[in-house]
Amino acid sequence: MTPDVASAGPWFALGEDHQHIVEQVERFAKDRFWPLQQRMDDDEWWPEEVFPSFGAAGYLGVTAPESLGGAGQDFFSSALVMQALSKWNPSIGLAVLAHENLCLNNILHNASAELCERYIPGMSDGSIVGCLGLTEPGAGSDALGSMRTTAKLDGDHYVLNGSKLYITNGPIAQVCLVYAKTNLDAGAHGITAFAVDCDTPGFEIAQKLKKMGMRGSQTAEIVMDDCRVPVENVVGEVDKGVRVVMSGLDLERIGLAFMMIGMCERALELSIEFAQSREQFGQKISQFQFIQGMVADIYAETESLRSFCYQVGAEATALEASGADKKHLSKRAAACVLQAGLVLMRCVDRAVQIHGGGGYIWETEVNRLYRAGKLLQIGAGTNEVRRIIIARDLLGR
């Protein structure tokens, strides 16, 4: 399905089908997930009904074919789901992104038909939650080059040993897409991807991690101690795991940027609502020019970000559909998520400033947005890594 965009004039606008997706998901998320925000943040609580209810509504497995229980939609549609969902609950948005993009889509595009039939229907209806096991203790941006987790062939199984850190959905997942070294002498080119059932003996949650923001999203360290995985659970080719990682990384970054559109939208709404209700010096603070300027800046930056993200999202979707050369998509995706992180933090900073002392209080929604935003300048490659990707494309290595 090709994005229904740019229907008139030189500007970029959503078509009717994509606008319908945004409206439907926003209504669902506001009704079901927005009321859960504070408890999720206060208690680091995860509501078990999230994935089953979201799947039942048809919002999981967006890009999976209908034959496997998915919606059979395009990447742009899945990104819009992330935008609408994250506006009303960023923690759930992050959990769904990890499930959909980092696990489901990588299995869908790289695994055998047998593995797809085993996992994709459950991941599409929410009965199976997925996560990605890539980053390790002591290795952040250099996750592939510094990988220490090993997978040694033993008959018809691989035996996995090692640990993974900062794993979104780790404590609640049923399947983990794990990357491990199958050729110790080949560096990043000796890594293989495995679909690992999280109840496999030797696969353990070592600790649940406490975070500054996105506290409802469950994050863990995973340890594998002689974890035996059948050879048929290899995703892609042996020693070719880098291809699996890279096949989804650009889309992850674009999806993350769409998340930030939704969060900027919410920061603007909260700022307007507060400015129109708060009185100081005998009048609404919306009458103060400094406040007006900050609201205007949030709006302008949000709309400029939306235009850039929609453009890159459409490019990625077209490339996925045509199979054309994606040589420069990494640069575009990195630029998109870099700009999104910078814009988001400027917008939520202004929103907190508009709220004054109330914006500094932990329990407020604008405070949650501020704390959540910082993670999105770190995950999926830090701002610095994003800049390196852009510069290398422009200037050469």
Protein backbone atom coordinates (compact mmCIF):
# COMPACT_ATOMS: atom_id res chain seq x y z
CA MET A 1 0.00 0.00 0.00
CA THR A 2 1.53 3.32 -1.10
CA PRO A 3 1.15 6.27 1.30
CA ASP A 4 -1.87 8.36 0.35
CA VAL A 5 -0.14 11.70 0.74
CA ALA A 6 0.56 14.94 -1.07
CA SER A 7 -2.91 14.81 -2.56
CA ALA A 8 -2.94 18.47 -3.56
CA GLY A 9 -0.48 21.27 -4.01
CA PRO A 10 3.20 21.30 -3.10
CA TRP A 11 2.58 20.54 0.58
CA PHE A 12 2.53 17.14 2.23
CA ALA A 13 -0.77 16.05 3.76
CA LEU A 14 -2.26 12.80 4.99
CA GLY A 15 -4.76 11.07 2.77
CA GLU A 16 -8.14 9.95 4.04
CA ASP A 17 -7.05 6.40 4.95
CA HIS A 18 -4.03 7.52 6.95
CA GLN A 19 -5.95 10.32 8.65
CA HIS A 20 -8.53 7.74 9.69
CA ILE A 21 -5.78 5.63 11.30
CA VAL A 22 -4.54 8.59 13.35
CA GLU A 23 -8.02 9.51 14.51
CA GLN A 24 -8.98 5.95 15.42
CA VAL A 25 -5.81 5.17 17.34
CA GLU A 26 -5.92 8.52 19.15
CA ARG A 27 -9.47 7.86 20.33
CA PHE A 28 -8.57 4.36 21.48
CA ALA A 29 -5.36 5.43 23.25
CA LYS A 30 -6.95 8.43 24.96
CA ASP A 31 -9.83 6.32 26.23
CA ARG A 32 -7.88 3.20 27.27
CA PHE A 33 -4.27 4.18 27.91
CA TRP A 34 -4.16 7.86 28.90
CA PRO A 35 -5.82 7.18 32.31
CA LEU A 36 -3.06 4.63 33.07
CA GLN A 37 -0.19 7.13 32.75
CA GLN A 38 0.24 8.24 36.33
CA ARG A 39 0.08 4.80 37.96
CA MET A 40 2.48 3.43 35.35
CA ASP A 41 4.93 6.24 36.10
CA ASP A 42 4.54 6.25 39.88
CA ASP A 43 4.76 2.49 40.38
CA GLU A 44 6.68 1.39 37.26
CA TRP A 45 3.57 -0.67 36.64
CA TRP A 46 2.75 -2.47 33.41
CA PRO A 47 -0.95 -3.20 32.70
CA GLU A 48 -1.19 -6.72 31.30
CA GLU A 49 -4.18 -5.90 29.11
CA VAL A 50 -2.24 -3.45 26.90
CA PHE A 51 -1.01 -5.80 24.18
CA PRO A 52 -4.14 -8.02 24.01
CA SER A 53 -6.47 -5.01 23.84
CA PHE A 54 -4.33 -3.19 21.28
CA GLY A 55 -4.08 -6.36 19.21
CA ALA A 56 -7.82 -7.01 19.40
CA ALA A 57 -8.41 -3.49 18.07
CA GLY A 58 -6.24 -4.32 15.04
CA TYR A 59 -3.31 -2.04 15.88
CA LEU A 60 -0.58 -4.69 16.23
CA GLY A 61 1.04 -6.52 13.34
CA VAL A 62 0.24 -3.52 11.17
CA THR A 63 2.68 -4.51 8.41
CA ALA A 64 2.16 -8.27 8.76
CA PRO A 65 0.05 -9.95 6.06
CA GLU A 66 -3.54 -10.82 6.83
CA SER A 67 -2.68 -14.49 6.30
CA LEU A 68 -0.54 -14.28 9.47
CA GLY A 69 -3.11 -12.32 11.45
CA GLY A 70 -1.78 -8.87 10.62
CA ALA A 71 -3.41 -5.82 9.10
CA GLY A 72 -1.51 -5.93 5.80
CA GLN A 73 -0.80 -2.20 5.86
CA ASP A 74 2.28 -0.20 4.90
CA PHE A 75 5.12 1.09 7.06
CA PHE A 76 3.74 4.62 7.02
CA SER A 77 0.54 3.34 8.63
CA SER A 78 2.50 1.64 11.41
CA ALA A 79 4.43 4.87 12.04
CA LEU A 80 1.19 6.81 12.34
CA VAL A 81 0.00 4.30 14.93
CA MET A 82 3.14 5.09 16.93
CA GLN A 83 2.48 8.83 16.64
CA ALA A 84 -1.13 8.61 17.82
CA LEU A 85 -0.41 6.12 20.61
CA SER A 86 2.60 7.98 22.00
CA LYS A 87 0.66 11.22 22.25
CA TRP A 88 -1.46 9.67 24.98
CA ASN A 89 0.96 7.24 26.61
CA PRO A 90 4.65 7.37 25.57
CA SER A 91 5.57 4.39 27.76
CA ILE A 92 3.13 2.18 25.90
CA GLY A 93 4.29 3.70 22.62
CA LEU A 94 7.87 2.67 23.37
CA ALA A 95 6.79 -0.85 24.32
CA VAL A 96 4.81 -1.26 21.11
CA LEU A 97 7.69 0.10 19.00
CA ALA A 98 10.07 -2.49 20.50
CA HIS A 99 7.52 -5.24 19.91
CA GLU A 100 6.47 -4.24 16.39
CA ASN A 101 9.63 -2.90 14.82
CA LEU A 102 12.53 -4.48 16.65
CA CYS A 103 11.07 -7.96 16.97
CA LEU A 104 7.97 -8.65 14.85
CA ASN A 105 9.11 -6.91 11.66
CA ASN A 106 12.62 -8.37 11.81
CA ILE A 107 11.19 -11.87 12.20
CA LEU A 108 8.63 -11.22 9.45
CA HIS A 109 11.22 -9.98 6.93
CA ASN A 110 14.06 -12.39 7.73
CA ALA A 111 12.82 -15.59 9.35
CA SER A 112 11.69 -18.85 7.81
CA ALA A 113 8.03 -19.41 6.98
CA GLU A 114 7.84 -21.83 9.91
CA LEU A 115 9.08 -19.24 12.40
CA CYS A 116 6.75 -16.60 10.98
CA GLU A 117 3.78 -18.93 11.33
CA ARG A 118 4.85 -19.74 14.88
CA TYR A 119 5.25 -16.17 16.15
CA ILE A 120 3.59 -13.55 13.92
CA PRO A 121 -0.09 -14.44 14.58
CA GLY A 122 0.40 -14.27 18.35
CA MET A 123 2.43 -11.08 18.08
CA SER A 124 -0.35 -9.59 15.94
CA ASP A 125 -3.13 -10.38 18.41
CA GLY A 126 -1.07 -9.41 21.46
CA SER A 127 -0.86 -12.86 23.05
CA ILE A 128 2.89 -12.91 22.36
CA VAL A 129 5.02 -9.88 23.31
CA GLY A 130 8.38 -9.44 21.63
CA CYS A 131 11.65 -7.76 22.55
CA LEU A 132 15.13 -7.28 21.08
CA GLY A 133 18.31 -8.57 22.74
CA LEU A 134 21.16 -6.60 21.21
CA THR A 135 22.83 -4.12 23.61
CA GLU A 136 25.19 -5.56 26.22
CA PRO A 137 26.80 -4.30 29.44
CA GLY A 138 29.83 -2.23 28.50
CA ALA A 139 28.69 -1.78 24.90
CA GLY A 140 26.19 0.86 23.86
CA SER A 141 26.63 2.46 20.45
CA ASP A 142 29.15 -0.24 19.44
CA ALA A 143 26.69 -3.05 20.14
CA LEU A 144 27.85 -5.21 17.23
CA GLY A 145 31.58 -4.66 17.41
CA SER A 146 31.78 -5.24 21.16
CA MET A 147 29.39 -8.18 21.38
CA ARG A 148 30.40 -10.90 23.84
CA THR A 149 27.34 -13.13 23.86
CA THR A 150 28.22 -16.39 22.13
CA ALA A 151 26.24 -19.13 20.40
CA LYS A 152 28.02 -22.46 19.96
CA LEU A 153 26.55 -25.22 17.82
CA ASP A 154 25.87 -28.43 19.74
CA GLY A 155 24.08 -30.98 17.59
CA ASP A 156 20.70 -29.57 16.57
CA HIS A 157 20.88 -26.69 19.07
CA TYR A 158 22.89 -23.55 19.63
CA VAL A 159 24.01 -22.92 23.21
CA LEU A 160 23.83 -19.22 24.09
CA ASN A 161 25.85 -17.59 26.86
CA GLY A 162 26.03 -13.91 27.71
CA SER A 163 23.93 -10.97 28.86
CA LYS A 164 21.91 -8.15 27.31
CA LEU A 165 21.16 -4.78 28.90
CA TYR A 166 18.48 -2.06 28.55
CA ILE A 167 16.05 -4.52 26.98
CA THR A 168 12.66 -2.88 26.45
CA ASN A 169 9.82 -5.35 27.18
CA GLY A 170 12.33 -7.78 28.69
CA PRO A 171 10.27 -8.52 31.84
CA ILE A 172 6.99 -9.04 29.92
CA ALA A 173 8.11 -10.68 26.66
CA GLN A 174 7.48 -14.22 25.45
CA VAL A 175 9.98 -14.09 22.58
CA CYS A 176 13.30 -12.27 22.28
CA LEU A 177 15.22 -11.67 19.06
CA VAL A 178 18.74 -12.31 20.38
CA TYR A 179 22.00 -11.53 18.60
CA ALA A 180 25.02 -13.66 19.44
CA LYS A 181 28.47 -14.40 18.00
CA THR A 182 28.62 -17.65 16.06
CA ASN A 183 32.05 -16.92 14.58
CA LEU A 184 34.35 -15.51 17.26
CA ASP A 185 37.03 -14.48 14.76
CA ALA A 186 34.81 -12.53 12.35
CA GLY A 187 33.89 -9.53 14.52
CA ALA A 188 30.57 -7.95 13.58
CA HIS A 189 30.41 -10.25 10.53
CA GLY A 190 30.18 -13.40 12.66
CA ILE A 191 26.88 -12.60 14.42
CA THR A 192 23.64 -14.55 14.10
CA ALA A 193 20.06 -13.67 15.08
CA PHE A 194 17.91 -16.14 17.04
CA ALA A 195 14.25 -16.17 18.03
CA VAL A 196 14.43 -17.31 21.65
CA ASP A 197 11.40 -18.27 23.71
CA CYS A 198 11.74 -16.44 26.99
CA ASP A 199 10.70 -19.51 29.02
CA THR A 200 13.66 -21.48 27.65
CA PRO A 201 15.82 -22.89 30.49
CA GLY A 202 18.90 -20.71 30.93
CA PHE A 203 17.13 -17.53 29.78
CA GLU A 204 16.59 -15.33 32.83
CA ILE A 205 15.67 -11.76 33.75
CA ALA A 206 18.62 -10.71 35.91
CA GLN A 207 17.15 -7.41 37.02
CA LYS A 208 14.37 -4.99 36.18
CA LEU A 209 15.84 -1.53 35.62
CA LYS A 210 14.48 1.69 37.13
CA LYS A 211 14.44 4.63 34.76
CA MET A 212 14.11 8.40 34.94
CA GLY A 213 11.30 8.45 32.39
CA MET A 214 9.18 6.03 30.34
CA ARG A 215 8.82 4.29 33.68
CA GLY A 216 5.81 2.22 32.73
CA SER A 217 7.74 0.65 29.87
CA GLN A 218 9.44 -2.41 31.35
CA THR A 219 13.23 -2.60 30.91
CA ALA A 220 15.57 -5.36 32.02
CA GLU A 221 18.94 -7.02 31.95
CA ILE A 222 18.76 -10.51 30.46
CA VAL A 223 21.25 -13.28 31.21
CA MET A 224 21.65 -16.47 29.16
CA ASP A 225 23.45 -19.36 30.82
CA ASP A 226 23.73 -22.42 28.58
CA CYS A 227 20.44 -21.45 26.93
CA ARG A 228 19.73 -24.09 24.26
CA VAL A 229 18.01 -22.80 21.13
CA PRO A 230 17.00 -25.08 18.23
CA VAL A 231 18.84 -24.49 14.96
CA GLU A 232 15.52 -23.83 13.23
CA ASN A 233 15.17 -20.69 15.39
CA VAL A 234 17.93 -18.94 13.47
CA VAL A 235 16.53 -15.76 11.91
CA GLY A 236 18.12 -15.08 8.55
CA GLU A 237 21.45 -16.73 7.78
CA VAL A 238 24.13 -17.94 10.17
CA ASP A 239 26.85 -15.29 10.61
CA LYS A 240 24.67 -12.77 8.71
CA GLY A 241 22.91 -11.22 11.68
CA VAL A 242 24.19 -7.76 10.78
CA ARG A 243 21.84 -7.83 7.80
CA VAL A 244 18.91 -8.50 10.13
CA VAL A 245 19.90 -5.62 12.41
CA MET A 246 20.40 -3.17 9.60
CA SER A 247 17.21 -4.17 7.78
CA GLY A 248 15.13 -2.72 10.58
CA LEU A 249 17.30 0.00 12.09
CA ASP A 250 16.31 2.80 9.72
CA LEU A 251 12.63 1.99 10.21
CA GLU A 252 13.10 1.95 13.99
CA ARG A 253 14.57 5.44 13.87
CA ILE A 254 11.74 6.75 11.73
CA GLY A 255 9.18 5.12 14.02
CA LEU A 256 10.86 6.75 17.00
CA ALA A 257 10.62 10.13 15.26
CA PHE A 258 6.89 9.62 14.69
CA MET A 259 6.54 8.87 18.40
CA MET A 260 8.03 12.27 19.10
CA ILE A 261 5.53 14.03 16.84
CA GLY A 262 2.77 12.75 19.09
CA MET A 263 4.60 13.82 22.22
CA CYS A 264 5.16 17.33 20.80
CA GLU A 265 1.46 17.52 19.95
CA ARG A 266 0.59 16.71 23.54
CA ALA A 267 3.09 19.24 24.90
CA LEU A 268 1.37 21.90 22.79
CA GLU A 269 -2.11 20.90 23.99
CA LEU A 270 -1.05 20.93 27.63
CA SER A 271 0.61 24.33 27.20
CA ILE A 272 -2.47 25.88 25.60
CA GLU A 273 -4.81 24.42 28.22
CA PHE A 274 -2.66 25.68 31.07
CA ALA A 275 -2.06 29.13 29.57
CA GLN A 276 -5.78 29.63 29.05
CA SER A 277 -6.70 28.59 32.60
CA ARG A 278 -3.85 29.95 34.75
CA GLU A 279 -4.26 33.51 36.07
CA GLN A 280 -1.48 35.80 37.27
CA PHE A 281 -1.48 39.57 37.84
CA GLY A 282 -5.21 39.66 37.22
CA GLN A 283 -5.30 38.01 33.81
CA LYS A 284 -4.80 34.71 32.00
CA ILE A 285 -1.14 34.03 31.35
CA SER A 286 -2.10 33.41 27.71
CA GLN A 287 -2.25 37.20 27.48
CA PHE A 288 1.47 37.51 28.26
CA GLN A 289 3.63 37.88 25.16
CA PHE A 290 6.42 35.68 26.51
CA ILE A 291 3.89 32.85 26.97
CA GLN A 292 2.41 33.49 23.53
CA GLY A 293 5.87 33.28 22.01
CA MET A 294 6.64 29.93 23.64
CA VAL A 295 3.30 28.45 22.53
CA ALA A 296 3.91 29.69 19.00
CA ASP A 297 7.40 28.17 18.98
CA ILE A 298 6.08 24.77 20.13
CA TYR A 299 3.51 24.83 17.34
CA ALA A 300 5.97 25.90 14.64
CA GLU A 301 8.57 23.32 15.61
CA THR A 302 5.99 20.54 15.85
CA GLU A 303 4.63 21.28 12.39
CA SER A 304 8.08 21.50 10.81
CA LEU A 305 8.98 18.17 12.42
CA ARG A 306 5.76 16.61 11.17
CA SER A 307 6.53 17.66 7.58
CA PHE A 308 10.04 16.20 7.71
CA CYS A 309 8.97 12.95 9.36
CA TYR A 310 6.07 12.39 6.98
CA GLN A 311 8.35 12.97 4.01
CA VAL A 312 10.97 10.49 5.24
CA GLY A 313 8.28 8.02 6.29
CA ALA A 314 6.80 8.15 2.81
CA GLU A 315 10.23 7.64 1.25
CA ALA A 316 10.87 4.59 3.43
CA THR A 317 7.46 3.14 2.60
CA ALA A 318 7.98 3.60 -1.13
CA LEU A 319 11.42 1.99 -0.95
CA GLU A 320 9.98 -0.96 1.00
CA ALA A 321 7.28 -1.44 -1.62
CA SER A 322 9.55 -1.10 -4.67
CA GLY A 323 12.67 -2.82 -3.37
CA ALA A 324 14.72 0.09 -4.72
CA ASP A 325 18.17 1.03 -3.45
CA LYS A 326 18.03 2.26 0.15
CA LYS A 327 21.55 3.68 0.06
CA HIS A 328 20.65 7.10 1.41
CA LEU A 329 17.74 6.09 3.67
CA SER A 330 20.08 5.68 6.65
CA LYS A 331 21.12 9.32 6.35
CA ARG A 332 17.52 10.45 6.06
CA ALA A 333 16.35 8.27 8.96
CA ALA A 334 19.21 9.46 11.17
CA ALA A 335 18.48 13.10 10.31
CA CYS A 336 14.80 12.58 10.99
CA VAL A 337 15.26 11.08 14.45
CA LEU A 338 18.06 13.52 15.32
CA GLN A 339 15.86 16.49 14.52
CA ALA A 340 12.90 14.90 16.30
CA GLY A 341 14.86 14.51 19.53
CA LEU A 342 16.14 18.08 19.41
CA VAL A 343 12.68 19.48 18.64
CA LEU A 344 10.96 17.38 21.29
CA MET A 345 13.29 18.48 24.07
CA ARG A 346 12.93 22.13 23.07
CA CYS A 347 9.14 21.78 23.01
CA VAL A 348 8.81 20.01 26.35
CA ASP A 349 11.29 22.42 27.91
CA ARG A 350 9.07 25.33 26.86
CA ALA A 351 5.98 23.45 28.04
CA VAL A 352 7.50 22.97 31.51
CA GLN A 353 8.47 26.64 31.58
CA ILE A 354 4.90 27.66 30.74
CA HIS A 355 3.64 25.50 33.62
CA GLY A 356 6.08 27.16 36.02
CA GLY A 357 6.46 25.45 39.39
CA GLY A 358 3.74 22.95 38.50
CA GLY A 359 5.78 21.73 35.58
CA TYR A 360 8.55 20.71 37.96
CA ILE A 361 6.24 18.49 40.00
CA TRP A 362 6.73 14.77 39.38
CA GLU A 363 3.03 13.87 39.12
CA THR A 364 2.18 16.26 36.27
CA GLU A 365 1.79 15.03 32.72
CA VAL A 366 4.08 17.70 31.34
CA ASN A 367 6.78 16.55 33.76
CA ARG A 368 6.37 12.98 32.50
CA LEU A 369 6.80 14.19 28.93
CA TYR A 370 9.98 16.04 29.88
CA ARG A 371 11.50 12.99 31.58
CA ALA A 372 10.42 10.64 28.80
CA GLY A 373 11.87 12.83 26.07
CA LYS A 374 15.50 12.46 27.04
CA LEU A 375 15.52 8.73 26.35
CA LEU A 376 14.64 9.41 22.74
CA GLN A 377 17.92 11.25 22.22
CA ILE A 378 19.76 8.13 23.39
CA GLY A 379 17.89 5.06 22.15
CA ALA A 380 18.26 3.72 18.58
CA GLY A 381 21.65 5.42 18.37
CA THR A 382 22.51 8.51 20.35
CA ASN A 383 22.37 12.01 18.87
CA GLU A 384 26.11 11.75 18.34
CA VAL A 385 25.84 8.48 16.40
CA ARG A 386 23.02 9.96 14.33
CA ARG A 387 25.27 12.86 13.38
CA ILE A 388 28.08 10.48 12.40
CA ILE A 389 25.75 8.55 10.09
CA ILE A 390 24.64 11.76 8.39
CA ALA A 391 28.17 13.15 8.06
CA ARG A 392 29.60 9.92 6.64
CA ASP A 393 26.98 9.90 3.92
CA LEU A 394 27.58 13.53 3.07
CA LEU A 395 31.37 13.66 3.45
CA GLY A 396 32.47 10.07 2.96
CA ARG A 397 34.10 7.87 5.53
